[in-house]
């Protein structure tokens, strides 16, 4: 889905936010969309993104949130998964989202840095006049 969030910042790539085993939350969706805007500003060639927010009811007093992010780029897929366990899971979900998107941001930064380094290494450098020699030398 291509959409704008409440700040009218445009998310420039298709994305899907799903809530598994928990009720959809407009506040959580808004927070995720804000992070998607930042990722889109970092790299404008993102082709797709899927975010899954899951609530595990493992124990009666402890709840665990899991955030999964799949970010598709040309030639690369970034996958991030973060878990948070705590008594007050509502307070923890926001920090789990921040942690997950921080990790995705770092992985995207690494991808862009490697890509930039690689493109700098393979670009042929033009010869200077001194290296090329005289035009007559090239024909001989």
C-alpha atoms as a PDB file:
ATOM      1  CA  UNK A   1       0.000   0.000   0.000  1.00  0.00           C
ATOM      2  CA  UNK A   2       1.308   3.450  -0.915  1.00  0.00           C
ATOM      3  CA  UNK A   3       0.083   6.013   1.572  1.00  0.00           C
ATOM      4  CA  UNK A   4       0.776   9.144   3.510  1.00  0.00           C
ATOM      5  CA  UNK A   5       0.878   9.146   7.273  1.00  0.00           C
ATOM      6  CA  UNK A   6      -0.507  11.874   9.539  1.00  0.00           C
ATOM      7  CA  UNK A   7       2.527  14.117   8.917  1.00  0.00           C
ATOM      8  CA  UNK A   8       1.801  13.980   5.156  1.00  0.00           C
ATOM      9  CA  UNK A   9       5.149  12.261   4.626  1.00  0.00           C
ATOM     10  CA  UNK A  10       4.820  10.015   1.613  1.00  0.00           C
ATOM     11  CA  UNK A  11       5.910   6.375   1.802  1.00  0.00           C
ATOM     12  CA  UNK A  12       7.245   5.788  -1.684  1.00  0.00           C
ATOM     13  CA  UNK A  13       7.131   2.006  -1.829  1.00  0.00           C
ATOM     14  CA  UNK A  14       4.513  -0.697  -1.302  1.00  0.00           C
ATOM     15  CA  UNK A  15       4.267  -1.960   2.249  1.00  0.00           C
ATOM     16  CA  UNK A  16       2.112  -4.172   4.421  1.00  0.00           C
ATOM     17  CA  UNK A  17       1.728  -3.975   8.203  1.00  0.00           C
ATOM     18  CA  UNK A  18       0.102  -7.035   9.762  1.00  0.00           C
ATOM     19  CA  UNK A  19      -0.891  -7.760  13.339  1.00  0.00           C
ATOM     20  CA  UNK A  20      -0.721 -11.442  14.298  1.00  0.00           C
ATOM     21  CA  UNK A  21      -2.439 -12.686  17.468  1.00  0.00           C
ATOM     22  CA  UNK A  22      -3.144  -9.107  18.576  1.00  0.00           C
ATOM     23  CA  UNK A  23      -5.589  -6.346  17.745  1.00  0.00           C
ATOM     24  CA  UNK A  24      -4.480  -3.730  15.198  1.00  0.00           C
ATOM     25  CA  UNK A  25      -3.365  -0.517  16.837  1.00  0.00           C
ATOM     26  CA  UNK A  26      -3.496   2.861  15.039  1.00  0.00           C
ATOM     27  CA  UNK A  27      -0.677   4.180  17.270  1.00  0.00           C
ATOM     28  CA  UNK A  28       1.585   1.243  16.441  1.00  0.00           C
ATOM     29  CA  UNK A  29       0.716   1.502  12.732  1.00  0.00           C
ATOM     30  CA  UNK A  30       1.555   5.232  12.809  1.00  0.00           C
ATOM     31  CA  UNK A  31       4.897   4.558  14.510  1.00  0.00           C
ATOM     32  CA  UNK A  32       5.794   1.887  11.925  1.00  0.00           C
ATOM     33  CA  UNK A  33       4.816   4.230   9.072  1.00  0.00           C
ATOM     34  CA  UNK A  34       7.083   6.953  10.468  1.00  0.00           C
ATOM     35  CA  UNK A  35       9.998   4.518  10.398  1.00  0.00           C
ATOM     36  CA  UNK A  36       9.092   3.464   6.847  1.00  0.00           C
ATOM     37  CA  UNK A  37       9.238   7.102   5.750  1.00  0.00           C
ATOM     38  CA  UNK A  38      12.768   7.370   7.193  1.00  0.00           C
ATOM     39  CA  UNK A  39      13.883   4.203   5.390  1.00  0.00           C
ATOM     40  CA  UNK A  40      12.445   5.567   2.144  1.00  0.00           C
ATOM     41  CA  UNK A  41      14.372   8.807   2.611  1.00  0.00           C
ATOM     42  CA  UNK A  42      17.580   6.841   3.137  1.00  0.00           C
ATOM     43  CA  UNK A  43      17.141   4.763  -0.040  1.00  0.00           C
ATOM     44  CA  UNK A  44      14.606   5.538  -2.741  1.00  0.00           C
ATOM     45  CA  UNK A  45      14.794   2.156  -4.514  1.00  0.00           C
ATOM     46  CA  UNK A  46      13.036   0.024  -1.884  1.00  0.00           C
ATOM     47  CA  UNK A  47      10.688  -2.261  -3.807  1.00  0.00           C
ATOM     48  CA  UNK A  48       8.577  -3.741  -0.980  1.00  0.00           C
ATOM     49  CA  UNK A  49       8.340  -3.960   2.802  1.00  0.00           C
ATOM     50  CA  UNK A  50       6.427  -6.291   5.083  1.00  0.00           C
ATOM     51  CA  UNK A  51       6.145  -5.666   8.808  1.00  0.00           C
ATOM     52  CA  UNK A  52       4.576  -8.267  11.108  1.00  0.00           C
ATOM     53  CA  UNK A  53       3.785  -7.489  14.741  1.00  0.00           C
ATOM     54  CA  UNK A  54       3.137 -10.619  16.766  1.00  0.00           C
ATOM     55  CA  UNK A  55       2.073 -11.067  20.378  1.00  0.00           C
ATOM     56  CA  UNK A  56       3.003 -14.394  21.968  1.00  0.00           C
ATOM     57  CA  UNK A  57       1.090 -15.431  25.079  1.00  0.00           C
ATOM     58  CA  UNK A  58       3.734 -17.786  26.440  1.00  0.00           C
ATOM     59  CA  UNK A  59       3.017 -17.391  30.142  1.00  0.00           C
ATOM     60  CA  UNK A  60       0.203 -15.906  32.129  1.00  0.00           C
ATOM     61  CA  UNK A  61       2.274 -13.008  33.552  1.00  0.00           C
ATOM     62  CA  UNK A  62       4.741 -12.501  30.733  1.00  0.00           C
ATOM     63  CA  UNK A  63       3.928 -11.445  27.178  1.00  0.00           C
ATOM     64  CA  UNK A  64       6.382 -11.337  24.321  1.00  0.00           C
ATOM     65  CA  UNK A  65       6.246  -9.086  21.279  1.00  0.00           C
ATOM     66  CA  UNK A  66       8.016  -9.986  18.092  1.00  0.00           C
ATOM     67  CA  UNK A  67       8.563  -7.568  15.207  1.00  0.00           C
ATOM     68  CA  UNK A  68       9.574  -8.967  11.816  1.00  0.00           C
ATOM     69  CA  UNK A  69      10.622  -6.704   8.950  1.00  0.00           C
ATOM     70  CA  UNK A  70      11.286  -7.862   5.389  1.00  0.00           C
ATOM     71  CA  UNK A  71      12.729  -5.119   3.228  1.00  0.00           C
ATOM     72  CA  UNK A  72      13.162  -5.866  -0.486  1.00  0.00           C
ATOM     73  CA  UNK A  73      15.776  -3.957  -2.463  1.00  0.00           C
ATOM     74  CA  UNK A  74      17.105  -4.521  -5.965  1.00  0.00           C
ATOM     75  CA  UNK A  75      19.441  -7.505  -5.526  1.00  0.00           C
ATOM     76  CA  UNK A  76      19.036  -7.772  -1.743  1.00  0.00           C
ATOM     77  CA  UNK A  77      16.525  -8.708   0.949  1.00  0.00           C
ATOM     78  CA  UNK A  78      16.978  -7.393   4.480  1.00  0.00           C
ATOM     79  CA  UNK A  79      15.301  -9.435   7.207  1.00  0.00           C
ATOM     80  CA  UNK A  80      15.062  -8.221  10.807  1.00  0.00           C
ATOM     81  CA  UNK A  81      13.438  -9.885  13.792  1.00  0.00           C
ATOM     82  CA  UNK A  82      13.270  -8.439  17.314  1.00  0.00           C
ATOM     83  CA  UNK A  83      11.670  -9.879  20.449  1.00  0.00           C
ATOM     84  CA  UNK A  84      10.683  -8.153  23.651  1.00  0.00           C
ATOM     85  CA  UNK A  85       9.562  -9.909  26.809  1.00  0.00           C
ATOM     86  CA  UNK A  86       8.094  -7.992  29.706  1.00  0.00           C
ATOM     87  CA  UNK A  87       5.261  -7.616  32.167  1.00  0.00           C
ATOM     88  CA  UNK A  88       3.935  -4.428  30.568  1.00  0.00           C
ATOM     89  CA  UNK A  89       4.064  -5.375  26.902  1.00  0.00           C
ATOM     90  CA  UNK A  90       2.174  -2.268  25.765  1.00  0.00           C
ATOM     91  CA  UNK A  91       5.051  -0.088  26.942  1.00  0.00           C
ATOM     92  CA  UNK A  92       7.594  -2.453  25.412  1.00  0.00           C
ATOM     93  CA  UNK A  93       6.131  -2.692  21.930  1.00  0.00           C
ATOM     94  CA  UNK A  94       7.218   0.844  21.063  1.00  0.00           C
ATOM     95  CA  UNK A  95      10.828   0.230  22.104  1.00  0.00           C
ATOM     96  CA  UNK A  96      10.770  -3.099  20.245  1.00  0.00           C
ATOM     97  CA  UNK A  97       9.667  -1.296  17.079  1.00  0.00           C
ATOM     98  CA  UNK A  98      12.415   1.300  17.536  1.00  0.00           C
ATOM     99  CA  UNK A  99      15.013  -1.458  18.046  1.00  0.00           C
ATOM    100  CA  UNK A 100      13.822  -3.408  14.996  1.00  0.00           C
ATOM    101  CA  UNK A 101      13.843  -0.395  12.683  1.00  0.00           C
ATOM    102  CA  UNK A 102      17.189   0.760  14.055  1.00  0.00           C
ATOM    103  CA  UNK A 103      18.593  -2.648  13.099  1.00  0.00           C
ATOM    104  CA  UNK A 104      16.968  -2.443   9.632  1.00  0.00           C
ATOM    105  CA  UNK A 105      18.395   1.070   9.181  1.00  0.00           C
ATOM    106  CA  UNK A 106      21.907  -0.172  10.066  1.00  0.00           C
ATOM    107  CA  UNK A 107      21.612  -3.090   7.635  1.00  0.00           C
ATOM    108  CA  UNK A 108      20.424  -0.751   4.889  1.00  0.00           C
ATOM    109  CA  UNK A 109      23.328   1.624   5.658  1.00  0.00           C
ATOM    110  CA  UNK A 110      25.759  -1.309   5.406  1.00  0.00           C
ATOM    111  CA  UNK A 111      24.232  -2.394   2.091  1.00  0.00           C
ATOM    112  CA  UNK A 112      24.534   1.118   0.670  1.00  0.00           C
ATOM    113  CA  UNK A 113      28.113   1.514   1.919  1.00  0.00           C
ATOM    114  CA  UNK A 114      29.188  -1.805   0.371  1.00  0.00           C
ATOM    115  CA  UNK A 115      27.405  -0.953  -2.863  1.00  0.00           C
ATOM    116  CA  UNK A 116      29.065   2.456  -2.995  1.00  0.00           C
ATOM    117  CA  UNK A 117      32.513   0.996  -2.228  1.00  0.00           C
ATOM    118  CA  UNK A 118      32.028  -1.648  -4.909  1.00  0.00           C
ATOM    119  CA  UNK A 119      30.925   0.871  -7.540  1.00  0.00           C
ATOM    120  CA  UNK A 120      33.926   3.069  -6.746  1.00  0.00           C
ATOM    121  CA  UNK A 121      36.307   0.129  -7.204  1.00  0.00           C
ATOM    122  CA  UNK A 122      35.006  -1.010 -10.559  1.00  0.00           C
ATOM    123  CA  UNK A 123      34.741   2.371 -12.277  1.00  0.00           C
ATOM    124  CA  UNK A 124      37.496   2.763 -14.854  1.00  0.00           C
ATOM    125  CA  UNK A 125      39.605   5.808 -14.235  1.00  0.00           C
ATOM    126  CA  UNK A 126      40.288   8.012 -17.276  1.00  0.00           C
ATOM    127  CA  UNK A 127      43.904   8.259 -18.337  1.00  0.00           C
ATOM    128  CA  UNK A 128      45.661  11.542 -17.861  1.00  0.00           C
ATOM    129  CA  UNK A 129      47.558  13.144 -20.735  1.00  0.00           C
ATOM    130  CA  UNK A 130      50.870  11.997 -19.225  1.00  0.00           C
ATOM    131  CA  UNK A 131      49.688   8.362 -18.940  1.00  0.00           C
ATOM    132  CA  UNK A 132      48.226   8.234 -22.449  1.00  0.00           C
ATOM    133  CA  UNK A 133      51.294   9.600 -24.159  1.00  0.00           C
ATOM    134  CA  UNK A 134      51.295  11.278 -27.518  1.00  0.00           C
ATOM    135  CA  UNK A 135      48.506  10.425 -30.007  1.00  0.00           C
ATOM    136  CA  UNK A 136      51.088   9.146 -32.501  1.00  0.00           C
ATOM    137  CA  UNK A 137      52.362   6.613 -29.919  1.00  0.00           C
ATOM    138  CA  UNK A 138      48.883   5.097 -29.648  1.00  0.00           C
ATOM    139  CA  UNK A 139      48.673   4.438 -33.406  1.00  0.00           C
ATOM    140  CA  UNK A 140      52.094   2.783 -33.696  1.00  0.00           C
END
